[in-house]
Amino acid sequence: MRSSVLLVIVILIIAALLLFVYGQYEHGIKEAPSSHVYLGAIYSGNTEYCKQVSASVSFSPGRNLQGNIYYVVLSVWDSNRSYDQLGISSLNGSFFSTYSYTYIGKNGTINYVYNPGWFSILPGNHHLSMEIAAGNVTFTVDNRSFTAYTGGNYFIISRTEEIGNASYSGFTVYEEIYRFHGSLPGISYNFTGISYSVGSTITPVTLWAHFSHNISSSFDSTVFALGDTVNIYNKNPLSLSLQVSNTRGVMLVNVSDLSLTISGNGVYHLYLLPGNYTVNISYQGGSRSYSVNLAENYTLQVQM
């Protein structure tokens, strides 16, 4: 009899633990404010409306946070005030695709419906897109899709959205970390080709401002936005400065996932992680390439 009672107690304890873990992932993690941070970039242009948003995100293998839960996502509101998000989750060191959407409760609160472990993924390059039509949002990572009813008919590309008496962040690319105690992941995430589209017209998103919460200003340099690229560097990046002289008209500079248009002489700054890079420069009548071993802040003399 005693052993039977003990077995029942053990089963109840295990069930309670499982319900607790499910509740964390399904209904939101309850953490002290200081242990929940995010950093990234927020759209800073005029409000636009569209039917699809998309981007590619890449990351390389590296030291990952264990015992932490974090998300790296592309986020946008739709016309029915659902906050739609798509990207990557890291659950205790393992990577998954993730999506979420919201609905407004009777008391005016925003309720999240999300899947932090949609399907497992590996380091590399992944394509993200959200498409909206007839009240449904289709979330796609690479070639795998999930459709949810949100009631919206279009996405809103904006800096902020007013919901009730509160103002919320609008179109964003950011990293959100729970159980944060001063250590960023050792892995960096590069978003490229961030765009929105209406029909066959694709518009790159190029206007960005810094976006952060509960994180000190010493981490500002971990986010670098240039054109339709937002890089979230979880290591301190280095400066690659281009000292340009004898310009031959407009030049297009490509380094890694960064593209920069130069229209005159001067110094232009790019921020990259340590490594070997090829700087490709195209201009009217020719092109030129430079090899750079970026081990410290470096200035490249570019004479055309």
Protein backbone atom coordinates (compact mmCIF):
# COMPACT_ATOMS: atom_id res chain seq x y z
CA MET A 1 0.00 0.00 0.00
CA ARG A 2 2.80 2.41 0.93
CA SER A 3 4.59 1.74 -2.36
CA SER A 4 1.35 2.36 -4.28
CA VAL A 5 0.83 5.70 -2.54
CA LEU A 6 4.46 6.64 -3.24
CA LEU A 7 4.01 5.78 -6.92
CA VAL A 8 0.91 7.97 -7.15
CA ILE A 9 2.80 10.87 -5.53
CA VAL A 10 5.70 10.49 -7.99
CA ILE A 11 3.30 10.44 -10.94
CA LEU A 12 1.56 13.58 -9.68
CA ILE A 13 4.89 15.37 -9.26
CA ILE A 14 5.99 14.45 -12.81
CA ALA A 15 2.63 15.56 -14.21
CA ALA A 16 2.92 18.89 -12.39
CA LEU A 17 6.39 19.46 -13.79
CA LEU A 18 5.23 18.67 -17.31
CA LEU A 19 2.32 21.08 -16.95
CA PHE A 20 4.70 23.76 -15.67
CA VAL A 21 7.04 23.36 -18.68
CA TYR A 22 4.08 23.35 -21.08
CA GLY A 23 2.73 26.47 -19.45
CA GLN A 24 6.08 28.22 -19.87
CA TYR A 25 6.23 27.59 -23.60
CA GLU A 26 2.52 27.81 -24.40
CA HIS A 27 1.43 30.81 -22.35
CA GLY A 28 4.58 32.87 -21.92
CA ILE A 29 7.50 32.65 -19.53
CA LYS A 30 7.11 34.51 -16.25
CA GLU A 31 10.46 36.11 -15.52
CA ALA A 32 11.70 39.04 -13.51
CA PRO A 33 11.92 42.10 -15.82
CA SER A 34 15.71 42.29 -15.53
CA SER A 35 16.10 38.79 -16.98
CA HIS A 36 14.11 39.53 -20.16
CA VAL A 37 15.93 41.61 -22.80
CA TYR A 38 15.73 42.26 -26.49
CA LEU A 39 17.82 44.09 -29.03
CA GLY A 40 17.61 44.69 -32.74
CA ALA A 41 16.27 47.20 -35.24
CA ILE A 42 12.88 48.86 -35.71
CA TYR A 43 11.47 50.34 -38.91
CA SER A 44 11.73 54.14 -38.95
CA GLY A 45 9.95 55.14 -42.18
CA ASN A 46 6.42 56.11 -43.16
CA THR A 47 3.57 53.65 -42.66
CA GLU A 48 3.02 51.25 -45.55
CA TYR A 49 0.58 48.38 -46.17
CA CYS A 50 1.34 45.08 -47.83
CA LYS A 51 0.38 41.45 -48.33
CA GLN A 52 3.73 39.77 -47.69
CA VAL A 53 6.92 40.33 -45.70
CA SER A 54 10.08 38.28 -46.12
CA ALA A 55 13.76 38.00 -45.26
CA SER A 56 16.61 35.53 -45.09
CA VAL A 57 18.42 34.83 -41.83
CA SER A 58 21.73 33.05 -41.46
CA PHE A 59 23.80 31.93 -38.50
CA SER A 60 26.91 29.82 -38.01
CA PRO A 61 27.67 27.14 -35.42
CA GLY A 62 29.13 28.43 -32.17
CA ARG A 63 28.85 28.60 -28.42
CA ASN A 64 25.17 28.73 -27.58
CA LEU A 65 23.37 29.63 -24.36
CA GLN A 66 22.33 26.59 -22.34
CA GLY A 67 19.36 26.77 -19.99
CA ASN A 68 18.16 29.89 -21.81
CA ILE A 69 15.26 30.49 -24.14
CA TYR A 70 15.57 33.10 -26.86
CA TYR A 71 14.00 34.09 -30.14
CA VAL A 72 15.35 35.82 -33.25
CA VAL A 73 12.35 37.03 -35.22
CA LEU A 74 10.82 39.20 -37.91
CA SER A 75 7.68 40.88 -36.51
CA VAL A 76 4.76 42.82 -38.01
CA TRP A 77 1.21 43.82 -37.04
CA ASP A 78 -1.72 42.98 -39.29
CA SER A 79 -4.99 44.86 -39.87
CA ASN A 80 -6.84 42.89 -37.15
CA ARG A 81 -4.20 43.87 -34.57
CA SER A 82 -2.48 40.51 -34.50
CA TYR A 83 1.27 40.72 -33.86
CA ASP A 84 2.66 38.17 -36.31
CA GLN A 85 6.20 36.86 -35.79
CA LEU A 86 8.41 34.37 -37.58
CA GLY A 87 11.99 33.24 -37.08
CA ILE A 88 14.28 31.06 -34.99
CA SER A 89 14.04 29.86 -31.41
CA SER A 90 16.77 28.44 -29.22
CA LEU A 91 15.47 26.19 -26.46
CA ASN A 92 18.20 25.15 -24.05
CA GLY A 93 20.80 25.08 -26.82
CA SER A 94 18.78 23.48 -29.65
CA PHE A 95 17.46 25.42 -32.65
CA PHE A 96 13.92 25.40 -34.01
CA SER A 97 11.78 27.44 -36.35
CA THR A 98 9.09 29.43 -34.56
CA TYR A 99 5.97 31.47 -35.29
CA SER A 100 3.43 33.38 -33.22
CA TYR A 101 0.32 35.52 -33.58
CA THR A 102 -2.00 37.28 -31.14
CA TYR A 103 -5.56 38.15 -30.32
CA ILE A 104 -7.07 40.80 -28.06
CA GLY A 105 -8.86 39.40 -25.01
CA LYS A 106 -12.14 40.69 -23.58
CA ASN A 107 -10.25 42.76 -21.01
CA GLY A 108 -8.08 44.34 -23.72
CA THR A 109 -4.96 42.27 -23.05
CA ILE A 110 -2.83 40.87 -25.88
CA ASN A 111 -2.77 37.07 -25.86
CA TYR A 112 -0.07 35.13 -27.69
CA VAL A 113 -0.51 31.88 -29.58
CA TYR A 114 2.85 30.46 -30.56
CA ASN A 115 4.95 27.43 -31.25
CA PRO A 116 8.57 27.77 -30.06
CA GLY A 117 9.52 24.31 -31.38
CA TRP A 118 7.81 24.15 -34.77
CA PHE A 119 10.52 22.01 -36.36
CA SER A 120 14.25 21.65 -35.74
CA ILE A 121 16.75 23.51 -37.91
CA LEU A 122 20.53 23.62 -38.30
CA PRO A 123 22.95 26.55 -38.65
CA GLY A 124 22.99 27.96 -42.17
CA ASN A 125 20.77 30.21 -44.26
CA HIS A 126 16.98 30.11 -43.90
CA HIS A 127 14.26 31.95 -45.80
CA LEU A 128 11.34 33.48 -43.89
CA SER A 129 8.06 34.80 -45.25
CA MET A 130 4.61 35.73 -43.94
CA GLU A 131 1.73 36.12 -46.38
CA ILE A 132 -1.77 37.35 -45.49
CA ALA A 133 -5.07 36.86 -47.31
CA ALA A 134 -8.74 36.57 -46.36
CA GLY A 135 -8.01 36.65 -42.63
CA ASN A 136 -5.28 34.02 -42.72
CA VAL A 137 -1.53 34.38 -42.21
CA THR A 138 0.72 31.75 -43.78
CA PHE A 139 4.06 31.40 -42.01
CA THR A 140 6.82 29.84 -44.13
CA VAL A 141 10.33 28.84 -43.13
CA ASP A 142 12.30 27.45 -46.05
CA ASN A 143 9.74 25.17 -47.76
CA ARG A 144 7.53 24.40 -44.75
CA SER A 145 4.35 26.37 -44.02
CA PHE A 146 1.68 26.78 -41.36
CA THR A 147 -1.52 28.83 -41.76
CA ALA A 148 -3.36 30.48 -38.88
CA TYR A 149 -6.51 32.58 -38.80
CA THR A 150 -5.85 36.06 -37.39
CA GLY A 151 -8.70 37.96 -39.05
CA GLY A 152 -6.32 40.36 -40.79
CA ASN A 153 -6.31 41.26 -44.48
CA TYR A 154 -3.03 43.14 -44.76
CA PHE A 155 0.19 43.82 -42.87
CA ILE A 156 1.11 47.24 -41.48
CA ILE A 157 4.72 48.34 -41.94
CA SER A 158 5.05 50.99 -39.24
CA ARG A 159 7.24 52.18 -36.39
CA THR A 160 4.52 51.85 -33.73
CA GLU A 161 0.97 50.56 -33.40
CA GLU A 162 -1.67 51.94 -31.05
CA ILE A 163 -3.63 49.19 -29.31
CA GLY A 164 -6.20 50.49 -26.83
CA ASN A 165 -4.46 53.12 -24.71
CA ALA A 166 -0.97 51.70 -25.29
CA SER A 167 1.65 52.07 -28.00
CA TYR A 168 3.58 49.01 -29.21
CA SER A 169 6.64 48.53 -31.39
CA GLY A 170 5.85 48.01 -35.06
CA PHE A 171 7.84 46.31 -37.80
CA THR A 172 10.96 44.91 -36.14
CA VAL A 173 13.87 42.51 -36.48
CA TYR A 174 15.20 41.56 -33.08
CA GLU A 175 16.58 39.02 -30.65
CA GLU A 176 14.63 38.36 -27.43
CA ILE A 177 16.33 36.54 -24.56
CA TYR A 178 14.72 35.13 -21.43
CA ARG A 179 16.75 34.21 -18.32
CA PHE A 180 19.33 36.78 -19.39
CA HIS A 181 22.08 37.34 -16.83
CA GLY A 182 24.58 39.39 -18.81
CA SER A 183 25.68 36.75 -21.34
CA LEU A 184 24.71 37.06 -24.98
CA PRO A 185 24.68 33.97 -27.21
CA GLY A 186 28.01 33.26 -28.88
CA ILE A 187 26.16 33.04 -32.19
CA SER A 188 25.31 36.02 -34.38
CA TYR A 189 22.32 36.34 -36.72
CA ASN A 190 22.35 38.11 -40.07
CA PHE A 191 19.07 39.20 -41.69
CA THR A 192 19.28 40.07 -45.39
CA GLY A 193 16.81 40.94 -48.12
CA ILE A 194 14.24 42.31 -45.67
CA SER A 195 11.31 43.39 -47.81
CA TYR A 196 7.56 43.74 -48.18
CA SER A 197 5.47 43.21 -51.29
CA VAL A 198 2.13 44.01 -52.85
CA GLY A 199 1.43 41.84 -55.86
CA SER A 200 4.63 41.49 -57.86
CA THR A 201 6.17 44.71 -56.48
CA ILE A 202 8.88 43.98 -53.91
CA THR A 203 10.13 46.89 -51.78
CA PRO A 204 13.31 46.55 -49.69
CA VAL A 205 13.05 47.81 -46.13
CA THR A 206 16.02 50.13 -45.60
CA LEU A 207 15.03 52.61 -42.86
CA TRP A 208 16.00 51.39 -39.39
CA ALA A 209 16.54 52.66 -35.85
CA HIS A 210 18.11 50.93 -32.86
CA PHE A 211 15.68 48.86 -30.79
CA SER A 212 16.38 47.51 -27.29
CA HIS A 213 14.85 46.85 -23.88
CA ASN A 214 16.37 46.14 -20.47
CA ILE A 215 19.88 46.04 -21.88
CA SER A 216 22.62 48.57 -21.21
CA SER A 217 24.02 50.93 -23.81
CA SER A 218 27.26 48.91 -23.85
CA PHE A 219 25.48 46.43 -26.12
CA ASP A 220 24.48 49.03 -28.74
CA SER A 221 27.28 48.00 -31.09
CA THR A 222 25.88 44.47 -31.40
CA VAL A 223 23.27 45.67 -33.92
CA PHE A 224 24.33 46.98 -37.32
CA ALA A 225 21.75 47.92 -39.97
CA LEU A 226 22.68 48.84 -43.54
CA GLY A 227 20.11 48.95 -46.32
CA ASP A 228 17.89 45.87 -46.24
CA THR A 229 20.34 44.07 -43.93
CA VAL A 230 20.19 43.90 -40.12
CA ASN A 231 22.99 42.03 -38.37
CA ILE A 232 22.62 41.13 -34.71
CA TYR A 233 26.18 40.58 -33.55
CA ASN A 234 26.38 38.71 -30.27
CA LYS A 235 30.10 39.40 -30.21
CA ASN A 236 31.67 42.84 -30.45
CA PRO A 237 32.17 43.53 -34.17
CA LEU A 238 35.21 45.20 -35.69
CA SER A 239 35.23 48.29 -37.86
CA LEU A 240 36.23 47.95 -41.50
CA SER A 241 36.70 51.52 -42.74
CA LEU A 242 36.93 52.28 -46.45
CA GLN A 243 39.10 55.34 -47.20
CA VAL A 244 37.92 56.16 -50.72
CA SER A 245 39.73 58.56 -53.06
CA ASN A 246 39.73 59.30 -56.80
CA THR A 247 36.12 58.16 -57.08
CA ARG A 248 34.96 57.14 -60.54
CA GLY A 249 31.29 57.97 -60.25
CA VAL A 250 28.94 55.82 -58.20
CA MET A 251 30.42 52.60 -56.80
CA LEU A 252 28.72 49.55 -55.31
CA VAL A 253 30.60 47.85 -52.47
CA ASN A 254 29.76 44.29 -51.41
CA VAL A 255 31.32 42.68 -48.33
CA SER A 256 29.82 39.52 -46.87
CA ASP A 257 26.06 40.26 -46.65
CA LEU A 258 26.50 44.05 -46.66
CA SER A 259 25.99 46.28 -49.70
CA LEU A 260 26.95 49.94 -49.74
CA THR A 261 26.59 52.56 -52.48
CA ILE A 262 29.38 55.16 -52.52
CA SER A 263 28.92 58.37 -54.48
CA GLY A 264 31.99 60.34 -53.44
CA ASN A 265 35.35 60.40 -51.70
CA GLY A 266 35.51 59.95 -47.94
CA VAL A 267 35.56 57.37 -45.15
CA TYR A 268 32.82 54.76 -44.93
CA HIS A 269 32.43 52.39 -41.98
CA LEU A 270 31.22 48.79 -41.99
CA TYR A 271 31.00 46.51 -38.95
CA LEU A 272 31.86 42.83 -39.23
CA LEU A 273 32.94 39.97 -37.01
CA PRO A 274 36.62 38.93 -37.14
CA GLY A 275 37.44 36.85 -40.19
CA ASN A 276 38.64 36.85 -43.78
CA TYR A 277 36.63 38.92 -46.25
CA THR A 278 36.64 39.89 -49.90
CA VAL A 279 35.66 43.48 -50.63
CA ASN A 280 34.12 43.65 -54.11
CA ILE A 281 33.76 47.08 -55.70
CA SER A 282 31.87 47.67 -58.95
CA TYR A 283 31.95 50.98 -60.78
CA GLN A 284 31.31 52.31 -64.24
CA GLY A 285 33.83 50.69 -66.50
CA GLY A 286 35.26 48.10 -64.17
CA SER A 287 35.49 46.29 -60.86
CA ARG A 288 38.08 45.65 -58.18
CA SER A 289 38.48 43.20 -55.28
CA TYR A 290 40.45 43.43 -52.04
CA SER A 291 41.20 40.63 -49.58
CA VAL A 292 41.04 41.64 -45.92
CA ASN A 293 41.99 39.66 -42.83
CA LEU A 294 39.91 41.47 -40.21
CA ALA A 295 41.59 40.71 -36.89
CA GLU A 296 41.31 44.26 -35.51
CA ASN A 297 39.79 47.56 -36.59
CA TYR A 298 41.15 48.17 -40.07
CA THR A 299 41.17 50.94 -42.69
CA LEU A 300 41.31 49.88 -46.34
CA GLN A 301 42.67 52.42 -48.81
CA VAL A 302 40.47 52.34 -51.91
CA GLN A 303 41.81 54.34 -54.84
CA MET A 304 39.89 54.17 -58.05
